[in-house]
Amino acid sequence: MHVLVSYDIVDNRNRARVMKLLKNYGQRVQLSCYECDLDESRYLQMKKGVEQFIDKRVDSVRYYRLCKGCLRNVMICGWGEILEDEGFDII
């Protein structure tokens, strides 16, 4: 499954830990946004790892699961690179 992970983490140390962890699961596409192609097991492992570093009272992490149909509608405007050949348009 393709997952877009975005986060807003207050503590610099915890943010750095999450960034380091997410590098093992996907590609950083913006400052606080990663695109990951994972199976269910790796997704749950990633989610558990991220959530051990956040404070749920002040931090926010969002996981967007994208189906193949949704991926075909992804468009990049401005700088960026296509991470998969199919399904991306650059305007």
N, C-alpha and C. Protein backbone atom coordinates (compact mmCIF):
# COMPACT_ATOMS: atom_id res chain seq x y z
N MET A 1 0.85 -1.17 0.00
CA MET A 1 0.00 0.00 0.00
C MET A 1 0.89 1.23 0.00
N HIS A 2 0.39 2.29 -0.57
CA HIS A 2 1.11 3.55 -0.60
C HIS A 2 0.55 4.42 0.52
N VAL A 3 1.45 4.96 1.36
CA VAL A 3 1.04 5.75 2.51
C VAL A 3 1.78 7.09 2.49
N LEU A 4 1.03 8.16 2.66
CA LEU A 4 1.60 9.48 2.83
C LEU A 4 1.56 9.79 4.31
N VAL A 5 2.72 10.10 4.90
CA VAL A 5 2.81 10.40 6.32
C VAL A 5 3.21 11.87 6.46
N SER A 6 2.40 12.62 7.19
CA SER A 6 2.74 14.01 7.48
C SER A 6 2.72 14.20 8.99
N TYR A 7 3.54 15.12 9.46
CA TYR A 7 3.63 15.30 10.90
C TYR A 7 3.91 16.75 11.27
N ASP A 8 3.49 17.09 12.47
CA ASP A 8 3.78 18.38 13.10
C ASP A 8 4.16 18.03 14.53
N ILE A 9 5.46 18.03 14.80
CA ILE A 9 5.97 17.60 16.09
C ILE A 9 6.69 18.78 16.74
N VAL A 10 6.29 19.11 17.94
CA VAL A 10 6.77 20.31 18.63
C VAL A 10 8.23 20.19 19.06
N ASP A 11 8.58 19.10 19.70
CA ASP A 11 9.91 18.92 20.28
C ASP A 11 10.93 18.58 19.19
N ASN A 12 12.01 19.36 19.11
CA ASN A 12 13.03 19.16 18.07
C ASN A 12 13.66 17.77 18.14
N ARG A 13 13.94 17.30 19.33
CA ARG A 13 14.57 15.98 19.48
C ARG A 13 13.64 14.86 18.99
N ASN A 14 12.37 14.94 19.37
CA ASN A 14 11.41 13.93 18.92
C ASN A 14 11.18 14.02 17.42
N ARG A 15 11.15 15.23 16.87
CA ARG A 15 10.99 15.41 15.43
C ARG A 15 12.16 14.76 14.69
N ALA A 16 13.37 14.96 15.18
CA ALA A 16 14.54 14.35 14.55
C ALA A 16 14.48 12.83 14.61
N ARG A 17 14.00 12.30 15.71
CA ARG A 17 13.87 10.84 15.85
C ARG A 17 12.85 10.28 14.84
N VAL A 18 11.74 10.98 14.69
CA VAL A 18 10.71 10.54 13.73
C VAL A 18 11.25 10.61 12.32
N MET A 19 11.95 11.70 11.98
CA MET A 19 12.53 11.84 10.64
C MET A 19 13.50 10.68 10.36
N LYS A 20 14.35 10.38 11.31
CA LYS A 20 15.32 9.28 11.15
C LYS A 20 14.61 7.95 10.95
N LEU A 21 13.56 7.72 11.73
CA LEU A 21 12.79 6.47 11.61
C LEU A 21 12.12 6.37 10.25
N LEU A 22 11.47 7.45 9.82
CA LEU A 22 10.71 7.41 8.56
C LEU A 22 11.62 7.21 7.35
N LYS A 23 12.87 7.62 7.43
CA LYS A 23 13.81 7.39 6.32
C LYS A 23 13.97 5.91 6.01
N ASN A 24 13.72 5.06 7.00
CA ASN A 24 13.81 3.61 6.80
C ASN A 24 12.59 3.03 6.10
N TYR A 25 11.55 3.82 5.96
CA TYR A 25 10.29 3.31 5.42
C TYR A 25 9.87 3.98 4.11
N GLY A 26 10.43 5.14 3.81
CA GLY A 26 9.97 5.83 2.61
C GLY A 26 10.89 6.96 2.20
N GLN A 27 10.38 7.75 1.29
CA GLN A 27 11.10 8.86 0.69
C GLN A 27 10.56 10.18 1.23
N ARG A 28 11.45 11.03 1.69
CA ARG A 28 11.03 12.36 2.16
C ARG A 28 10.73 13.21 0.94
N VAL A 29 9.52 13.77 0.88
CA VAL A 29 9.11 14.57 -0.27
C VAL A 29 8.92 16.04 0.08
N GLN A 30 8.77 16.35 1.35
CA GLN A 30 8.72 17.72 1.85
C GLN A 30 9.27 17.69 3.27
N LEU A 31 9.40 18.85 3.89
CA LEU A 31 10.04 18.91 5.21
C LEU A 31 9.41 17.95 6.22
N SER A 32 8.11 17.86 6.26
CA SER A 32 7.47 17.00 7.25
C SER A 32 6.51 16.03 6.57
N CYS A 33 6.94 15.47 5.44
CA CYS A 33 6.06 14.61 4.67
C CYS A 33 6.87 13.51 3.98
N TYR A 34 6.44 12.27 4.17
CA TYR A 34 7.09 11.12 3.57
C TYR A 34 6.09 10.31 2.76
N GLU A 35 6.54 9.76 1.63
CA GLU A 35 5.76 8.81 0.85
C GLU A 35 6.39 7.44 1.06
N CYS A 36 5.55 6.47 1.42
CA CYS A 36 6.03 5.14 1.76
C CYS A 36 5.24 4.09 0.99
N ASP A 37 5.91 3.09 0.49
CA ASP A 37 5.26 1.95 -0.16
C ASP A 37 5.51 0.74 0.74
N LEU A 38 4.48 0.30 1.46
CA LEU A 38 4.63 -0.69 2.53
C LEU A 38 3.58 -1.78 2.45
N ASP A 39 3.91 -2.94 2.98
CA ASP A 39 2.86 -3.93 3.21
C ASP A 39 2.26 -3.64 4.59
N GLU A 40 1.21 -4.33 4.94
CA GLU A 40 0.49 -4.05 6.19
C GLU A 40 1.39 -4.19 7.42
N SER A 41 2.23 -5.21 7.42
CA SER A 41 3.10 -5.45 8.56
C SER A 41 4.10 -4.30 8.76
N ARG A 42 4.73 -3.87 7.68
CA ARG A 42 5.70 -2.75 7.77
C ARG A 42 4.98 -1.45 8.14
N TYR A 43 3.76 -1.27 7.62
CA TYR A 43 2.98 -0.08 7.98
C TYR A 43 2.75 -0.02 9.48
N LEU A 44 2.30 -1.12 10.07
CA LEU A 44 2.03 -1.17 11.50
C LEU A 44 3.30 -0.98 12.31
N GLN A 45 4.41 -1.55 11.82
CA GLN A 45 5.70 -1.39 12.48
C GLN A 45 6.13 0.07 12.45
N MET A 46 5.98 0.73 11.31
CA MET A 46 6.33 2.14 11.18
C MET A 46 5.48 3.00 12.12
N LYS A 47 4.18 2.76 12.10
CA LYS A 47 3.25 3.54 12.91
C LYS A 47 3.57 3.40 14.40
N LYS A 48 3.86 2.19 14.84
CA LYS A 48 4.21 1.95 16.24
C LYS A 48 5.51 2.68 16.59
N GLY A 49 6.48 2.64 15.69
CA GLY A 49 7.75 3.33 15.92
C GLY A 49 7.58 4.83 16.03
N VAL A 50 6.79 5.41 15.12
CA VAL A 50 6.56 6.85 15.15
C VAL A 50 5.87 7.25 16.44
N GLU A 51 4.88 6.51 16.82
CA GLU A 51 4.05 6.89 17.96
C GLU A 51 4.76 6.76 19.30
N GLN A 52 5.90 6.08 19.34
CA GLN A 52 6.65 6.03 20.59
C GLN A 52 7.43 7.34 20.83
N PHE A 53 7.58 8.17 19.78
CA PHE A 53 8.33 9.41 19.91
C PHE A 53 7.48 10.67 19.98
N ILE A 54 6.17 10.53 19.95
CA ILE A 54 5.34 11.74 19.93
C ILE A 54 4.59 11.91 21.25
N ASP A 55 4.21 13.14 21.49
CA ASP A 55 3.36 13.49 22.62
C ASP A 55 1.98 13.78 22.02
N LYS A 56 1.04 12.90 22.22
CA LYS A 56 -0.27 13.01 21.57
C LYS A 56 -1.07 14.23 22.01
N ARG A 57 -0.63 14.89 23.07
CA ARG A 57 -1.32 16.11 23.51
C ARG A 57 -0.96 17.32 22.66
N VAL A 58 0.25 17.32 22.08
CA VAL A 58 0.70 18.51 21.34
C VAL A 58 1.17 18.21 19.91
N ASP A 59 1.43 16.96 19.60
CA ASP A 59 1.94 16.58 18.28
C ASP A 59 0.83 15.97 17.43
N SER A 60 1.04 16.00 16.13
CA SER A 60 0.08 15.41 15.20
C SER A 60 0.82 14.65 14.10
N VAL A 61 0.40 13.41 13.88
CA VAL A 61 0.92 12.61 12.78
C VAL A 61 -0.28 12.07 12.03
N ARG A 62 -0.25 12.23 10.70
CA ARG A 62 -1.36 11.75 9.87
C ARG A 62 -0.85 10.72 8.89
N TYR A 63 -1.62 9.65 8.72
CA TYR A 63 -1.29 8.57 7.81
C TYR A 63 -2.40 8.49 6.76
N TYR A 64 -2.06 8.78 5.52
CA TYR A 64 -3.03 8.72 4.43
C TYR A 64 -2.72 7.51 3.57
N ARG A 65 -3.62 6.54 3.56
CA ARG A 65 -3.45 5.37 2.69
C ARG A 65 -4.01 5.72 1.32
N LEU A 66 -3.22 5.51 0.28
CA LEU A 66 -3.63 5.85 -1.07
C LEU A 66 -3.75 4.58 -1.91
N CYS A 67 -4.89 4.42 -2.54
CA CYS A 67 -5.09 3.28 -3.43
C CYS A 67 -4.41 3.56 -4.77
N LYS A 68 -4.28 2.55 -5.62
CA LYS A 68 -3.64 2.74 -6.92
C LYS A 68 -4.39 3.76 -7.77
N GLY A 69 -5.71 3.78 -7.67
CA GLY A 69 -6.49 4.77 -8.39
C GLY A 69 -6.18 6.19 -7.94
N CYS A 70 -5.99 6.34 -6.63
CA CYS A 70 -5.63 7.66 -6.09
C CYS A 70 -4.25 8.08 -6.56
N LEU A 71 -3.33 7.13 -6.63
CA LEU A 71 -1.97 7.46 -7.07
C LEU A 71 -1.95 8.02 -8.49
N ARG A 72 -2.85 7.54 -9.33
CA ARG A 72 -2.91 8.04 -10.70
C ARG A 72 -3.32 9.50 -10.75
N ASN A 73 -3.94 9.98 -9.71
CA ASN A 73 -4.40 11.37 -9.66
C ASN A 73 -3.44 12.31 -8.94
N VAL A 74 -2.32 11.79 -8.46
CA VAL A 74 -1.35 12.64 -7.77
C VAL A 74 -0.66 13.52 -8.81
N MET A 75 -0.58 14.81 -8.50
CA MET A 75 0.10 15.75 -9.38
C MET A 75 1.13 16.51 -8.56
N ILE A 76 2.28 16.77 -9.17
CA ILE A 76 3.33 17.55 -8.52
C ILE A 76 3.40 18.89 -9.24
N CYS A 77 3.32 19.96 -8.50
CA CYS A 77 3.42 21.30 -9.06
C CYS A 77 4.64 21.96 -8.45
N GLY A 78 5.56 22.42 -9.26
CA GLY A 78 6.79 23.01 -8.74
C GLY A 78 7.89 21.97 -8.69
N TRP A 79 8.84 22.18 -7.80
CA TRP A 79 9.97 21.26 -7.72
C TRP A 79 9.53 19.92 -7.15
N GLY A 80 10.26 18.93 -7.45
CA GLY A 80 9.96 17.59 -6.96
C GLY A 80 10.29 16.58 -8.03
N GLU A 81 10.33 15.36 -7.63
CA GLU A 81 10.62 14.32 -8.59
C GLU A 81 9.56 13.24 -8.51
N ILE A 82 9.41 12.55 -9.59
CA ILE A 82 8.46 11.44 -9.65
C ILE A 82 9.11 10.23 -9.00
N LEU A 83 8.46 9.68 -7.98
CA LEU A 83 9.01 8.54 -7.27
C LEU A 83 8.59 7.22 -7.90
N GLU A 84 7.50 7.24 -8.64
CA GLU A 84 7.06 6.09 -9.42
C GLU A 84 6.69 6.61 -10.79
N ASP A 85 7.02 5.85 -11.83
CA ASP A 85 6.76 6.31 -13.18
C ASP A 85 5.28 6.44 -13.49
N GLU A 86 4.48 5.52 -13.00
CA GLU A 86 3.07 5.58 -13.35
C GLU A 86 2.30 6.39 -12.34
N GLY A 87 1.37 7.18 -12.83
CA GLY A 87 0.44 7.83 -11.95
C GLY A 87 0.78 9.23 -11.50
N PHE A 88 1.87 9.80 -11.95
CA PHE A 88 2.22 11.14 -11.52
C PHE A 88 2.29 12.07 -12.72
N ASP A 89 1.78 13.28 -12.56
CA ASP A 89 1.87 14.31 -13.57
C ASP A 89 2.64 15.47 -12.98
N ILE A 90 3.51 16.07 -13.76
CA ILE A 90 4.19 17.28 -13.34
C ILE A 90 3.65 18.42 -14.16
N ILE A 91 3.21 19.47 -13.48
CA ILE A 91 2.63 20.62 -14.16
C ILE A 91 3.66 21.74 -14.18
